[in-house]
């Protein structure tokens, strides 16, 4: 299974600042658990599909690992997020 929704750019602690720093672009970033599911995830996937045609607009997704796999937890901490806040959205 794919952890990132189709139409969203996978962001991590190496790529985050580069992508949100694209001049002239707006970026919507979703922070969520790895392998998110459910109604909110389905709505996010619909948003990614609809946003495809919007010029100079990018959707990014930060998958925050769980348990021993703490991937991107530093990004989550940077924005003061806890797992109970997921999914969380930021517009840059």
PDB file of N, CA and C in Angstrom:
ATOM      1  N   UNK A   1       0.838  -1.193   0.000  1.00  0.00           N
ATOM      2  CA  UNK A   1       0.000   0.000   0.000  1.00  0.00           C
ATOM      3  C   UNK A   1       0.872   1.242   0.000  1.00  0.00           C
ATOM      4  N   UNK A   2       0.398   2.273  -0.655  1.00  0.00           N
ATOM      5  CA  UNK A   2       1.115   3.534  -0.746  1.00  0.00           C
ATOM      6  C   UNK A   2       0.741   4.420   0.448  1.00  0.00           C
ATOM      7  N   UNK A   3       1.750   4.985   1.085  1.00  0.00           N
ATOM      8  CA  UNK A   3       1.504   5.808   2.268  1.00  0.00           C
ATOM      9  C   UNK A   3       1.096   7.231   1.912  1.00  0.00           C
ATOM     10  N   UNK A   4       1.433   7.687   0.718  1.00  0.00           N
ATOM     11  CA  UNK A   4       1.155   9.059   0.306  1.00  0.00           C
ATOM     12  C   UNK A   4       0.045   9.054  -0.734  1.00  0.00           C
ATOM     13  N   UNK A   5      -0.917   9.965  -0.594  1.00  0.00           N
ATOM     14  CA  UNK A   5      -2.047  10.046  -1.528  1.00  0.00           C
ATOM     15  C   UNK A   5      -1.559  10.448  -2.917  1.00  0.00           C
ATOM     16  N   UNK A   6      -2.170   9.894  -3.952  1.00  0.00           N
ATOM     17  CA  UNK A   6      -1.852  10.278  -5.323  1.00  0.00           C
ATOM     18  C   UNK A   6      -2.149  11.760  -5.501  1.00  0.00           C
ATOM     19  N   UNK A   7      -1.199  12.479  -6.094  1.00  0.00           N
ATOM     20  CA  UNK A   7      -1.354  13.917  -6.277  1.00  0.00           C
ATOM     21  C   UNK A   7      -0.682  14.736  -5.200  1.00  0.00           C
ATOM     22  N   UNK A   8      -0.258  14.094  -4.121  1.00  0.00           N
ATOM     23  CA  UNK A   8       0.464  14.790  -3.044  1.00  0.00           C
ATOM     24  C   UNK A   8       1.952  14.491  -3.172  1.00  0.00           C
ATOM     25  N   UNK A   9       2.758  15.449  -2.778  1.00  0.00           N
ATOM     26  CA  UNK A   9       4.201  15.289  -2.782  1.00  0.00           C
ATOM     27  C   UNK A   9       4.636  14.798  -1.415  1.00  0.00           C
ATOM     28  N   UNK A  10       5.428  13.742  -1.404  1.00  0.00           N
ATOM     29  CA  UNK A  10       5.945  13.216  -0.138  1.00  0.00           C
ATOM     30  C   UNK A  10       6.994  14.181   0.405  1.00  0.00           C
ATOM     31  N   UNK A  11       6.780  14.628   1.625  1.00  0.00           N
ATOM     32  CA  UNK A  11       7.722  15.540   2.265  1.00  0.00           C
ATOM     33  C   UNK A  11       8.330  14.874   3.484  1.00  0.00           C
ATOM     34  N   UNK A  12       9.589  15.179   3.722  1.00  0.00           N
ATOM     35  CA  UNK A  12      10.273  14.689   4.917  1.00  0.00           C
ATOM     36  C   UNK A  12      11.208  15.772   5.412  1.00  0.00           C
ATOM     37  N   UNK A  13      11.997  15.463   6.408  1.00  0.00           N
ATOM     38  CA  UNK A  13      12.847  16.490   6.991  1.00  0.00           C
ATOM     39  C   UNK A  13      13.955  16.956   6.050  1.00  0.00           C
ATOM     40  N   UNK A  14      14.186  16.272   4.932  1.00  0.00           N
ATOM     41  CA  UNK A  14      15.151  16.714   3.928  1.00  0.00           C
ATOM     42  C   UNK A  14      14.501  17.601   2.864  1.00  0.00           C
ATOM     43  N   UNK A  15      13.255  17.348   2.521  1.00  0.00           N
ATOM     44  CA  UNK A  15      12.615  18.034   1.399  1.00  0.00           C
ATOM     45  C   UNK A  15      11.620  19.112   1.817  1.00  0.00           C
ATOM     46  N   UNK A  16      11.186  19.121   3.046  1.00  0.00           N
ATOM     47  CA  UNK A  16      10.119  20.012   3.492  1.00  0.00           C
ATOM     48  C   UNK A  16      10.407  21.474   3.166  1.00  0.00           C
ATOM     49  N   UNK A  17      11.505  22.011   3.652  1.00  0.00           N
ATOM     50  CA  UNK A  17      11.803  23.431   3.473  1.00  0.00           C
ATOM     51  C   UNK A  17      12.035  23.788   2.010  1.00  0.00           C
ATOM     52  N   UNK A  18      12.598  22.866   1.240  1.00  0.00           N
ATOM     53  CA  UNK A  18      12.802  23.124  -0.185  1.00  0.00           C
ATOM     54  C   UNK A  18      11.472  23.289  -0.910  1.00  0.00           C
ATOM     55  N   UNK A  19      10.535  22.409  -0.642  1.00  0.00           N
ATOM     56  CA  UNK A  19       9.260  22.445  -1.357  1.00  0.00           C
ATOM     57  C   UNK A  19       8.416  23.642  -0.929  1.00  0.00           C
ATOM     58  N   UNK A  20       8.306  23.896   0.366  1.00  0.00           N
ATOM     59  CA  UNK A  20       7.465  25.025   0.786  1.00  0.00           C
ATOM     60  C   UNK A  20       8.120  26.358   0.448  1.00  0.00           C
ATOM     61  N   UNK A  21       9.386  26.339   0.083  1.00  0.00           N
ATOM     62  CA  UNK A  21      10.085  27.562  -0.291  1.00  0.00           C
ATOM     63  C   UNK A  21      10.023  27.897  -1.771  1.00  0.00           C
ATOM     64  N   UNK A  22       9.313  27.113  -2.594  1.00  0.00           N
ATOM     65  CA  UNK A  22       9.201  27.415  -4.025  1.00  0.00           C
ATOM     66  C   UNK A  22       8.558  28.794  -4.189  1.00  0.00           C
ATOM     67  N   UNK A  23       9.276  29.711  -4.802  1.00  0.00           N
ATOM     68  CA  UNK A  23       8.766  31.065  -4.976  1.00  0.00           C
ATOM     69  C   UNK A  23       7.544  31.077  -5.884  1.00  0.00           C
ATOM     70  N   UNK A  24       6.519  31.796  -5.442  1.00  0.00           N
ATOM     71  CA  UNK A  24       5.314  31.940  -6.235  1.00  0.00           C
ATOM     72  C   UNK A  24       4.335  30.786  -6.116  1.00  0.00           C
ATOM     73  N   UNK A  25       4.644  29.812  -5.284  1.00  0.00           N
ATOM     74  CA  UNK A  25       3.756  28.664  -5.091  1.00  0.00           C
ATOM     75  C   UNK A  25       3.161  28.693  -3.694  1.00  0.00           C
ATOM     76  N   UNK A  26       1.928  28.251  -3.582  1.00  0.00           N
ATOM     77  CA  UNK A  26       1.279  28.015  -2.293  1.00  0.00           C
ATOM     78  C   UNK A  26       1.307  26.511  -2.070  1.00  0.00           C
ATOM     79  N   UNK A  27       1.546  26.114  -0.846  1.00  0.00           N
ATOM     80  CA  UNK A  27       1.631  24.699  -0.530  1.00  0.00           C
ATOM     81  C   UNK A  27       0.753  24.381   0.674  1.00  0.00           C
ATOM     82  N   UNK A  28      -0.141  23.427   0.489  1.00  0.00           N
ATOM     83  CA  UNK A  28      -0.938  22.902   1.588  1.00  0.00           C
ATOM     84  C   UNK A  28      -0.255  21.625   2.055  1.00  0.00           C
ATOM     85  N   UNK A  29       0.096  21.568   3.323  1.00  0.00           N
ATOM     86  CA  UNK A  29       0.808  20.401   3.857  1.00  0.00           C
ATOM     87  C   UNK A  29      -0.051  19.712   4.905  1.00  0.00           C
ATOM     88  N   UNK A  30      -0.178  18.407   4.728  1.00  0.00           N
ATOM     89  CA  UNK A  30      -0.910  17.587   5.705  1.00  0.00           C
ATOM     90  C   UNK A  30       0.094  16.775   6.517  1.00  0.00           C
ATOM     91  N   UNK A  31      -0.032  16.828   7.823  1.00  0.00           N
ATOM     92  CA  UNK A  31       0.725  15.972   8.732  1.00  0.00           C
ATOM     93  C   UNK A  31      -0.226  14.874   9.200  1.00  0.00           C
ATOM     94  N   UNK A  32       0.190  13.638   9.093  1.00  0.00           N
ATOM     95  CA  UNK A  32      -0.670  12.538   9.524  1.00  0.00           C
ATOM     96  C   UNK A  32       0.187  11.316   9.825  1.00  0.00           C
ATOM     97  N   UNK A  33      -0.442  10.334  10.406  1.00  0.00           N
ATOM     98  CA  UNK A  33       0.252   9.071  10.673  1.00  0.00           C
ATOM     99  C   UNK A  33       0.561   8.371   9.352  1.00  0.00           C
ATOM    100  N   UNK A  34       1.556   7.524   9.373  1.00  0.00           N
ATOM    101  CA  UNK A  34       1.849   6.708   8.204  1.00  0.00           C
ATOM    102  C   UNK A  34       0.670   5.782   7.954  1.00  0.00           C
ATOM    103  N   UNK A  35       0.323   5.602   6.696  1.00  0.00           N
ATOM    104  CA  UNK A  35      -0.802   4.742   6.290  1.00  0.00           C
ATOM    105  C   UNK A  35      -2.116   5.195   6.922  1.00  0.00           C
ATOM    106  N   UNK A  36      -2.417   6.473   6.754  1.00  0.00           N
ATOM    107  CA  UNK A  36      -3.694   7.009   7.244  1.00  0.00           C
ATOM    108  C   UNK A  36      -4.850   6.369   6.479  1.00  0.00           C
ATOM    109  N   UNK A  37      -5.987   6.296   7.109  1.00  0.00           N
ATOM    110  CA  UNK A  37      -7.161   5.677   6.482  1.00  0.00           C
ATOM    111  C   UNK A  37      -8.420   6.314   7.056  1.00  0.00           C
ATOM    112  N   UNK A  38      -9.551   6.002   6.445  1.00  0.00           N
ATOM    113  CA  UNK A  38     -10.830   6.473   6.959  1.00  0.00           C
ATOM    114  C   UNK A  38     -11.396   7.611   6.128  1.00  0.00           C
ATOM    115  N   UNK A  39     -12.486   8.173   6.628  1.00  0.00           N
ATOM    116  CA  UNK A  39     -13.225   9.211   5.907  1.00  0.00           C
ATOM    117  C   UNK A  39     -12.372  10.456   5.648  1.00  0.00           C
ATOM    118  N   UNK A  40     -11.608  10.890   6.642  1.00  0.00           N
ATOM    119  CA  UNK A  40     -10.769  12.081   6.464  1.00  0.00           C
ATOM    120  C   UNK A  40      -9.710  11.853   5.395  1.00  0.00           C
ATOM    121  N   UNK A  41      -9.143  10.669   5.350  1.00  0.00           N
ATOM    122  CA  UNK A  41      -8.140  10.348   4.329  1.00  0.00           C
ATOM    123  C   UNK A  41      -8.785  10.293   2.950  1.00  0.00           C
ATOM    124  N   UNK A  42      -9.975   9.747   2.863  1.00  0.00           N
ATOM    125  CA  UNK A  42     -10.686   9.693   1.576  1.00  0.00           C
ATOM    126  C   UNK A  42     -10.956  11.113   1.063  1.00  0.00           C
ATOM    127  N   UNK A  43     -11.346  12.011   1.943  1.00  0.00           N
ATOM    128  CA  UNK A  43     -11.592  13.399   1.550  1.00  0.00           C
ATOM    129  C   UNK A  43     -10.300  14.088   1.120  1.00  0.00           C
ATOM    130  N   UNK A  44      -9.203  13.772   1.798  1.00  0.00           N
ATOM    131  CA  UNK A  44      -7.911  14.336   1.415  1.00  0.00           C
ATOM    132  C   UNK A  44      -7.520  13.866   0.017  1.00  0.00           C
ATOM    133  N   UNK A  45      -7.752  12.617  -0.295  1.00  0.00           N
ATOM    134  CA  UNK A  45      -7.438  12.093  -1.629  1.00  0.00           C
ATOM    135  C   UNK A  45      -8.270  12.800  -2.696  1.00  0.00           C
ATOM    136  N   UNK A  46      -9.528  13.091  -2.397  1.00  0.00           N
ATOM    137  CA  UNK A  46     -10.370  13.834  -3.337  1.00  0.00           C
ATOM    138  C   UNK A  46      -9.824  15.251  -3.538  1.00  0.00           C
ATOM    139  N   UNK A  47      -9.382  15.873  -2.463  1.00  0.00           N
ATOM    140  CA  UNK A  47      -8.792  17.208  -2.553  1.00  0.00           C
ATOM    141  C   UNK A  47      -7.547  17.180  -3.434  1.00  0.00           C
ATOM    142  N   UNK A  48      -6.702  16.182  -3.262  1.00  0.00           N
ATOM    143  CA  UNK A  48      -5.484  16.054  -4.081  1.00  0.00           C
ATOM    144  C   UNK A  48      -5.845  15.944  -5.558  1.00  0.00           C
ATOM    145  N   UNK A  49      -6.859  15.171  -5.872  1.00  0.00           N
ATOM    146  CA  UNK A  49      -7.290  15.023  -7.265  1.00  0.00           C
ATOM    147  C   UNK A  49      -7.829  16.341  -7.817  1.00  0.00           C
ATOM    148  N   UNK A  50      -8.625  17.040  -7.033  1.00  0.00           N
ATOM    149  CA  UNK A  50      -9.219  18.299  -7.480  1.00  0.00           C
ATOM    150  C   UNK A  50      -8.167  19.394  -7.635  1.00  0.00           C
ATOM    151  N   UNK A  51      -7.136  19.380  -6.812  1.00  0.00           N
ATOM    152  CA  UNK A  51      -6.122  20.428  -6.816  1.00  0.00           C
ATOM    153  C   UNK A  51      -5.120  20.280  -7.954  1.00  0.00           C
ATOM    154  N   UNK A  52      -5.142  19.157  -8.627  1.00  0.00           N
ATOM    155  CA  UNK A  52      -4.194  18.885  -9.705  1.00  0.00           C
ATOM    156  C   UNK A  52      -4.173  20.009 -10.738  1.00  0.00           C
ATOM    157  N   UNK A  53      -5.320  20.546 -11.070  1.00  0.00           N
ATOM    158  CA  UNK A  53      -5.416  21.545 -12.128  1.00  0.00           C
ATOM    159  C   UNK A  53      -5.234  22.987 -11.648  1.00  0.00           C
ATOM    160  N   UNK A  54      -5.029  23.191 -10.370  1.00  0.00           N
ATOM    161  CA  UNK A  54      -4.865  24.550  -9.840  1.00  0.00           C
ATOM    162  C   UNK A  54      -3.421  25.002 -10.054  1.00  0.00           C
ATOM    163  N   UNK A  55      -3.237  26.095 -10.802  1.00  0.00           N
ATOM    164  CA  UNK A  55      -1.869  26.548 -11.076  1.00  0.00           C
ATOM    165  C   UNK A  55      -1.168  27.064  -9.822  1.00  0.00           C
ATOM    166  N   UNK A  56       0.121  26.781  -9.747  1.00  0.00           N
ATOM    167  CA  UNK A  56       1.002  27.270  -8.682  1.00  0.00           C
ATOM    168  C   UNK A  56       0.527  26.881  -7.275  1.00  0.00           C
ATOM    169  N   UNK A  57      -0.065  25.719  -7.188  1.00  0.00           N
ATOM    170  CA  UNK A  57      -0.547  25.184  -5.911  1.00  0.00           C
ATOM    171  C   UNK A  57      -0.116  23.726  -5.808  1.00  0.00           C
ATOM    172  N   UNK A  58       0.518  23.389  -4.698  1.00  0.00           N
ATOM    173  CA  UNK A  58       1.040  22.049  -4.473  1.00  0.00           C
ATOM    174  C   UNK A  58       0.502  21.532  -3.142  1.00  0.00           C
ATOM    175  N   UNK A  59       0.162  20.263  -3.111  1.00  0.00           N
ATOM    176  CA  UNK A  59      -0.219  19.623  -1.852  1.00  0.00           C
ATOM    177  C   UNK A  59       0.903  18.680  -1.453  1.00  0.00           C
ATOM    178  N   UNK A  60       1.339  18.805  -0.222  1.00  0.00           N
ATOM    179  CA  UNK A  60       2.380  17.945   0.315  1.00  0.00           C
ATOM    180  C   UNK A  60       1.849  17.170   1.504  1.00  0.00           C
ATOM    181  N   UNK A  61       2.511  16.046   1.761  1.00  0.00           N
ATOM    182  CA  UNK A  61       2.092  15.201   2.887  1.00  0.00           C
ATOM    183  C   UNK A  61       3.317  14.746   3.665  1.00  0.00           C
ATOM    184  N   UNK A  62       3.248  14.932   4.978  1.00  0.00           N
ATOM    185  CA  UNK A  62       4.292  14.458   5.879  1.00  0.00           C
ATOM    186  C   UNK A  62       3.719  13.286   6.657  1.00  0.00           C
ATOM    187  N   UNK A  63       4.255  12.105   6.387  1.00  0.00           N
ATOM    188  CA  UNK A  63       3.839  10.902   7.112  1.00  0.00           C
ATOM    189  C   UNK A  63       4.741  10.749   8.327  1.00  0.00           C
ATOM    190  N   UNK A  64       4.142  10.799   9.500  1.00  0.00           N
ATOM    191  CA  UNK A  64       4.902  10.710  10.746  1.00  0.00           C
ATOM    192  C   UNK A  64       4.821   9.283  11.255  1.00  0.00           C
ATOM    193  N   UNK A  65       5.988   8.657  11.375  1.00  0.00           N
ATOM    194  CA  UNK A  65       6.051   7.258  11.795  1.00  0.00           C
ATOM    195  C   UNK A  65       5.565   7.049  13.216  1.00  0.00           C
ATOM    196  N   UNK A  66       5.274   5.779  13.504  1.00  0.00           N
ATOM    197  CA  UNK A  66       4.772   5.413  14.824  1.00  0.00           C
ATOM    198  C   UNK A  66       5.684   4.362  15.452  1.00  0.00           C
ATOM    199  N   UNK A  67       5.552   4.194  16.739  1.00  0.00           N
ATOM    200  CA  UNK A  67       6.271   3.180  17.507  1.00  0.00           C
ATOM    201  C   UNK A  67       7.775   3.377  17.362  1.00  0.00           C
ATOM    202  N   UNK A  68       8.526   2.362  16.962  1.00  0.00           N
ATOM    203  CA  UNK A  68       9.975   2.493  16.846  1.00  0.00           C
ATOM    204  C   UNK A  68      10.371   3.317  15.631  1.00  0.00           C
ATOM    205  N   UNK A  69       9.520   3.371  14.614  1.00  0.00           N
ATOM    206  CA  UNK A  69       9.788   4.118  13.389  1.00  0.00           C
ATOM    207  C   UNK A  69       9.323   5.554  13.586  1.00  0.00           C
ATOM    208  N   UNK A  70      10.228   6.427  13.956  1.00  0.00           N
ATOM    209  CA  UNK A  70       9.862   7.797  14.302  1.00  0.00           C
ATOM    210  C   UNK A  70      10.156   8.769  13.157  1.00  0.00           C
ATOM    211  N   UNK A  71      10.007   8.305  11.928  1.00  0.00           N
ATOM    212  CA  UNK A  71      10.266   9.125  10.758  1.00  0.00           C
ATOM    213  C   UNK A  71       9.448  10.414  10.802  1.00  0.00           C
ATOM    214  N   UNK A  72      10.108  11.528  10.563  1.00  0.00           N
ATOM    215  CA  UNK A  72       9.508  12.862  10.490  1.00  0.00           C
ATOM    216  C   UNK A  72       8.928  13.371  11.808  1.00  0.00           C
ATOM    217  N   UNK A  73       9.236  12.727  12.892  1.00  0.00           N
ATOM    218  CA  UNK A  73       8.752  13.208  14.185  1.00  0.00           C
ATOM    219  C   UNK A  73       9.329  14.591  14.497  1.00  0.00           C
ATOM    220  N   UNK A  74      10.540  14.858  14.006  1.00  0.00           N
ATOM    221  CA  UNK A  74      11.141  16.172  14.228  1.00  0.00           C
ATOM    222  C   UNK A  74      10.332  17.279  13.547  1.00  0.00           C
ATOM    223  N   UNK A  75       9.774  17.000  12.368  1.00  0.00           N
ATOM    224  CA  UNK A  75       8.912  17.987  11.707  1.00  0.00           C
ATOM    225  C   UNK A  75       7.625  18.205  12.482  1.00  0.00           C
ATOM    226  N   UNK A  76       7.068  17.127  12.962  1.00  0.00           N
ATOM    227  CA  UNK A  76       5.854  17.220  13.772  1.00  0.00           C
ATOM    228  C   UNK A  76       6.109  18.067  15.019  1.00  0.00           C
ATOM    229  N   UNK A  77       7.229  17.830  15.667  1.00  0.00           N
ATOM    230  CA  UNK A  77       7.604  18.604  16.857  1.00  0.00           C
ATOM    231  C   UNK A  77       7.816  20.079  16.520  1.00  0.00           C
ATOM    232  N   UNK A  78       8.404  20.336  15.378  1.00  0.00           N
ATOM    233  CA  UNK A  78       8.681  21.707  14.941  1.00  0.00           C
ATOM    234  C   UNK A  78       7.410  22.557  14.887  1.00  0.00           C
ATOM    235  N   UNK A  79       6.294  21.933  14.562  1.00  0.00           N
ATOM    236  CA  UNK A  79       5.026  22.654  14.479  1.00  0.00           C
ATOM    237  C   UNK A  79       4.140  22.412  15.702  1.00  0.00           C
ATOM    238  N   UNK A  80       4.719  21.822  16.731  1.00  0.00           N
ATOM    239  CA  UNK A  80       3.994  21.637  17.987  1.00  0.00           C
ATOM    240  C   UNK A  80       2.855  20.643  17.905  1.00  0.00           C
ATOM    241  N   UNK A  81       2.977  19.670  17.026  1.00  0.00           N
ATOM    242  CA  UNK A  81       1.902  18.693  16.835  1.00  0.00           C
ATOM    243  C   UNK A  81       2.114  17.441  17.665  1.00  0.00           C
ATOM    244  N   UNK A  82       1.001  16.912  18.140  1.00  0.00           N
ATOM    245  CA  UNK A  82       0.986  15.604  18.798  1.00  0.00           C
ATOM    246  C   UNK A  82       0.164  14.672  17.915  1.00  0.00           C
ATOM    247  N   UNK A  83       0.302  13.402  18.112  1.00  0.00           N
ATOM    248  CA  UNK A  83      -0.450  12.433  17.301  1.00  0.00           C
ATOM    249  C   UNK A  83      -1.960  12.645  17.404  1.00  0.00           C
ATOM    250  N   UNK A  84      -2.419  13.122  18.526  1.00  0.00           N
ATOM    251  CA  UNK A  84      -3.850  13.373  18.692  1.00  0.00           C
ATOM    252  C   UNK A  84      -4.335  14.536  17.816  1.00  0.00           C
ATOM    253  N   UNK A  85      -3.406  15.346  17.286  1.00  0.00           N
ATOM    254  CA  UNK A  85      -3.759  16.460  16.404  1.00  0.00           C
ATOM    255  C   UNK A  85      -3.958  16.022  14.954  1.00  0.00           C
ATOM    256  N   UNK A  86      -3.515  14.821  14.607  1.00  0.00           N
ATOM    257  CA  UNK A  86      -3.551  14.365  13.210  1.00  0.00           C
ATOM    258  C   UNK A  86      -4.959  14.033  12.766  1.00  0.00           C
ATOM    259  N   UNK A  87      -5.303  14.295  11.517  1.00  0.00           N
ATOM    260  CA  UNK A  87      -4.493  15.018  10.542  1.00  0.00           C
ATOM    261  C   UNK A  87      -4.502  16.518  10.827  1.00  0.00           C
ATOM    262  N   UNK A  88      -3.362  17.149  10.573  1.00  0.00           N
ATOM    263  CA  UNK A  88      -3.228  18.592  10.750  1.00  0.00           C
ATOM    264  C   UNK A  88      -2.774  19.206   9.425  1.00  0.00           C
ATOM    265  N   UNK A  89      -3.286  20.382   9.119  1.00  0.00           N
ATOM    266  CA  UNK A  89      -3.019  21.024   7.830  1.00  0.00           C
ATOM    267  C   UNK A  89      -2.423  22.408   8.044  1.00  0.00           C
ATOM    268  N   UNK A  90      -1.443  22.752   7.198  1.00  0.00           N
ATOM    269  CA  UNK A  90      -0.819  24.065   7.209  1.00  0.00           C
ATOM    270  C   UNK A  90      -0.753  24.578   5.775  1.00  0.00           C
ATOM    271  N   UNK A  91      -1.026  25.858   5.589  1.00  0.00           N
ATOM    272  CA  UNK A  91      -0.919  26.488   4.274  1.00  0.00           C
ATOM    273  C   UNK A  91       0.274  27.429   4.285  1.00  0.00           C
ATOM    274  N   UNK A  92       1.166  27.223   3.351  1.00  0.00           N
ATOM    275  CA  UNK A  92       2.378  28.054   3.223  1.00  0.00           C
ATOM    276  C   UNK A  92       2.336  28.806   1.910  1.00  0.00           C
TER     277      UNK A  92
END
